[in-house]
Amino acid sequence: MFLELRLSVILFSARAVAINIFTLPSRVKSLVSFFKVPKS
């Protein structure tokens, strides 16, 4: 039971990390485009 709980926690955190890694490029791209807006 305890081992299953730890395994599910590890899987959950690994999935969260994977989601962060996959969404990072789009977030960086939106930040870059936000800062590249002409100041005129």
PDB file of N, CA and C in Angstrom:
ATOM      1  N   MET A   1       0.849  -1.205   0.000  1.00  0.00           N
ATOM      2  CA  MET A   1       0.000   0.000   0.000  1.00  0.00           C
ATOM      3  C   MET A   1       0.883   1.254   0.000  1.00  0.00           C
ATOM      4  N   PHE A   2       1.853   1.289   0.916  1.00  0.00           N
ATOM      5  CA  PHE A   2       2.731   2.463   1.003  1.00  0.00           C
ATOM      6  C   PHE A   2       3.551   2.606  -0.272  1.00  0.00           C
ATOM      7  N   LEU A   3       4.014   1.473  -0.806  1.00  0.00           N
ATOM      8  CA  LEU A   3       4.820   1.507  -2.023  1.00  0.00           C
ATOM      9  C   LEU A   3       3.981   2.014  -3.191  1.00  0.00           C
ATOM     10  N   GLU A   4       2.732   1.576  -3.273  1.00  0.00           N
ATOM     11  CA  GLU A   4       1.848   2.041  -4.349  1.00  0.00           C
ATOM     12  C   GLU A   4       1.630   3.546  -4.248  1.00  0.00           C
ATOM     13  N   LEU A   5       1.471   4.032  -3.025  1.00  0.00           N
ATOM     14  CA  LEU A   5       1.252   5.463  -2.816  1.00  0.00           C
ATOM     15  C   LEU A   5       2.462   6.256  -3.289  1.00  0.00           C
ATOM     16  N   ARG A   6       3.655   5.794  -2.917  1.00  0.00           N
ATOM     17  CA  ARG A   6       4.875   6.495  -3.345  1.00  0.00           C
ATOM     18  C   ARG A   6       5.012   6.453  -4.857  1.00  0.00           C
ATOM     19  N   LEU A   7       4.672   5.315  -5.454  1.00  0.00           N
ATOM     20  CA  LEU A   7       4.794   5.178  -6.904  1.00  0.00           C
ATOM     21  C   LEU A   7       3.852   6.145  -7.611  1.00  0.00           C
ATOM     22  N   SER A   8       2.629   6.281  -7.106  1.00  0.00           N
ATOM     23  CA  SER A   8       1.678   7.194  -7.739  1.00  0.00           C
ATOM     24  C   SER A   8       2.133   8.641  -7.582  1.00  0.00           C
ATOM     25  N   VAL A   9       2.728   8.961  -6.432  1.00  0.00           N
ATOM     26  CA  VAL A   9       3.238  10.324  -6.225  1.00  0.00           C
ATOM     27  C   VAL A   9       4.375  10.610  -7.195  1.00  0.00           C
ATOM     28  N   ILE A  10       5.275   9.636  -7.374  1.00  0.00           N
ATOM     29  CA  ILE A  10       6.397   9.812  -8.306  1.00  0.00           C
ATOM     30  C   ILE A  10       5.874   9.975  -9.730  1.00  0.00           C
ATOM     31  N   LEU A  11       4.894   9.166 -10.111  1.00  0.00           N
ATOM     32  CA  LEU A  11       4.330   9.268 -11.457  1.00  0.00           C
ATOM     33  C   LEU A  11       3.662  10.621 -11.654  1.00  0.00           C
ATOM     34  N   PHE A  12       2.948  11.085 -10.634  1.00  0.00           N
ATOM     35  CA  PHE A  12       2.251  12.367 -10.736  1.00  0.00           C
ATOM     36  C   PHE A  12       3.235  13.514 -10.911  1.00  0.00           C
ATOM     37  N   SER A  13       4.303  13.515 -10.119  1.00  0.00           N
ATOM     38  CA  SER A  13       5.292  14.593 -10.225  1.00  0.00           C
ATOM     39  C   SER A  13       6.037  14.503 -11.549  1.00  0.00           C
ATOM     40  N   ALA A  14       6.314  13.298 -12.016  1.00  0.00           N
ATOM     41  CA  ALA A  14       6.993  13.140 -13.304  1.00  0.00           C
ATOM     42  C   ALA A  14       6.113  13.667 -14.428  1.00  0.00           C
ATOM     43  N   ARG A  15       4.800  13.415 -14.337  1.00  0.00           N
ATOM     44  CA  ARG A  15       3.887  13.920 -15.367  1.00  0.00           C
ATOM     45  C   ARG A  15       3.843  15.440 -15.332  1.00  0.00           C
ATOM     46  N   ALA A  16       3.843  16.022 -14.144  1.00  0.00           N
ATOM     47  CA  ALA A  16       3.829  17.483 -14.032  1.00  0.00           C
ATOM     48  C   ALA A  16       5.096  18.077 -14.637  1.00  0.00           C
ATOM     49  N   VAL A  17       6.234  17.444 -14.387  1.00  0.00           N
ATOM     50  CA  VAL A  17       7.496  17.926 -14.953  1.00  0.00           C
ATOM     51  C   VAL A  17       7.463  17.825 -16.473  1.00  0.00           C
ATOM     52  N   ALA A  18       6.938  16.711 -16.992  1.00  0.00           N
ATOM     53  CA  ALA A  18       6.864  16.534 -18.445  1.00  0.00           C
ATOM     54  C   ALA A  18       5.963  17.598 -19.068  1.00  0.00           C
ATOM     55  N   ILE A  19       4.838  17.894 -18.420  1.00  0.00           N
ATOM     56  CA  ILE A  19       3.927  18.927 -18.936  1.00  0.00           C
ATOM     57  C   ILE A  19       4.627  20.280 -18.935  1.00  0.00           C
ATOM     58  N   ASN A  20       5.381  20.576 -17.878  1.00  0.00           N
ATOM     59  CA  ASN A  20       6.112  21.846 -17.825  1.00  0.00           C
ATOM     60  C   ASN A  20       7.136  21.929 -18.946  1.00  0.00           C
ATOM     61  N   ILE A  21       7.848  20.831 -19.194  1.00  0.00           N
ATOM     62  CA  ILE A  21       8.873  20.830 -20.246  1.00  0.00           C
ATOM     63  C   ILE A  21       8.223  21.026 -21.612  1.00  0.00           C
ATOM     64  N   PHE A  22       7.054  20.410 -21.825  1.00  0.00           N
ATOM     65  CA  PHE A  22       6.402  20.516 -23.130  1.00  0.00           C
ATOM     66  C   PHE A  22       5.791  21.892 -23.356  1.00  0.00           C
ATOM     67  N   THR A  23       5.332  22.545 -22.296  1.00  0.00           N
ATOM     68  CA  THR A  23       4.688  23.849 -22.469  1.00  0.00           C
ATOM     69  C   THR A  23       5.682  24.994 -22.356  1.00  0.00           C
ATOM     70  N   LEU A  24       6.926  24.698 -21.966  1.00  0.00           N
ATOM     71  CA  LEU A  24       7.918  25.758 -21.800  1.00  0.00           C
ATOM     72  C   LEU A  24       8.224  26.491 -23.106  1.00  0.00           C
ATOM     73  N   PRO A  25       8.476  25.808 -24.238  1.00  0.00           N
ATOM     74  CA  PRO A  25       8.790  26.527 -25.486  1.00  0.00           C
ATOM     75  C   PRO A  25       7.700  27.507 -25.900  1.00  0.00           C
ATOM     76  N   SER A  26       6.440  27.119 -25.789  1.00  0.00           N
ATOM     77  CA  SER A  26       5.364  28.030 -26.193  1.00  0.00           C
ATOM     78  C   SER A  26       5.300  29.232 -25.258  1.00  0.00           C
ATOM     79  N   ARG A  27       5.566  29.000 -23.965  1.00  0.00           N
ATOM     80  CA  ARG A  27       5.567  30.128 -23.027  1.00  0.00           C
ATOM     81  C   ARG A  27       6.724  31.076 -23.322  1.00  0.00           C
ATOM     82  N   VAL A  28       7.891  30.516 -23.622  1.00  0.00           N
ATOM     83  CA  VAL A  28       9.042  31.357 -23.958  1.00  0.00           C
ATOM     84  C   VAL A  28       8.759  32.130 -25.239  1.00  0.00           C
ATOM     85  N   LYS A  29       8.132  31.455 -26.213  1.00  0.00           N
ATOM     86  CA  LYS A  29       7.830  32.117 -27.486  1.00  0.00           C
ATOM     87  C   LYS A  29       6.870  33.282 -27.280  1.00  0.00           C
ATOM     88  N   SER A  30       5.856  33.080 -26.447  1.00  0.00           N
ATOM     89  CA  SER A  30       4.896  34.158 -26.205  1.00  0.00           C
ATOM     90  C   SER A  30       5.563  35.311 -25.455  1.00  0.00           C
ATOM     91  N   LEU A  31       6.468  34.979 -24.537  1.00  0.00           N
ATOM     92  CA  LEU A  31       7.197  36.032 -23.825  1.00  0.00           C
ATOM     93  C   LEU A  31       8.069  36.822 -24.786  1.00  0.00           C
ATOM     94  N   VAL A  32       8.772  36.116 -25.675  1.00  0.00           N
ATOM     95  CA  VAL A  32       9.657  36.786 -26.631  1.00  0.00           C
ATOM     96  C   VAL A  32       8.842  37.680 -27.557  1.00  0.00           C
ATOM     97  N   SER A  33       7.713  37.167 -28.054  1.00  0.00           N
ATOM     98  CA  SER A  33       6.894  37.984 -28.952  1.00  0.00           C
ATOM     99  C   SER A  33       6.310  39.178 -28.196  1.00  0.00           C
ATOM    100  N   PHE A  34       6.023  38.992 -26.909  1.00  0.00           N
ATOM    101  CA  PHE A  34       5.496  40.093 -26.103  1.00  0.00           C
ATOM    102  C   PHE A  34       6.534  41.204 -25.969  1.00  0.00           C
ATOM    103  N   PHE A  35       7.810  40.818 -25.798  1.00  0.00           N
ATOM    104  CA  PHE A  35       8.863  41.825 -25.645  1.00  0.00           C
ATOM    105  C   PHE A  35       9.329  42.376 -26.985  1.00  0.00           C
ATOM    106  N   LYS A  36       9.007  41.666 -28.089  1.00  0.00           N
ATOM    107  CA  LYS A  36       9.437  42.130 -29.405  1.00  0.00           C
ATOM    108  C   LYS A  36       8.436  43.102 -30.021  1.00  0.00           C
ATOM    109  N   VAL A  37       7.348  43.386 -29.318  1.00  0.00           N
ATOM    110  CA  VAL A  37       6.343  44.317 -29.844  1.00  0.00           C
ATOM    111  C   VAL A  37       6.983  45.694 -30.013  1.00  0.00           C
ATOM    112  N   PRO A  38       6.816  46.299 -31.179  1.00  0.00           N
ATOM    113  CA  PRO A  38       7.412  47.632 -31.409  1.00  0.00           C
ATOM    114  C   PRO A  38       6.926  48.640 -30.375  1.00  0.00           C
ATOM    115  N   LYS A  39       7.828  49.489 -29.935  1.00  0.00           N
ATOM    116  CA  LYS A  39       7.481  50.444 -28.881  1.00  0.00           C
ATOM    117  C   LYS A  39       6.831  51.714 -29.450  1.00  0.00           C
ATOM    118  N   SER A  40       6.759  51.822 -30.758  1.00  0.00           N
ATOM    119  CA  SER A  40       6.236  53.052 -31.372  1.00  0.00           C
ATOM    120  C   SER A  40       4.788  53.300 -30.982  1.00  0.00           C
TER     121      SER A  40
END
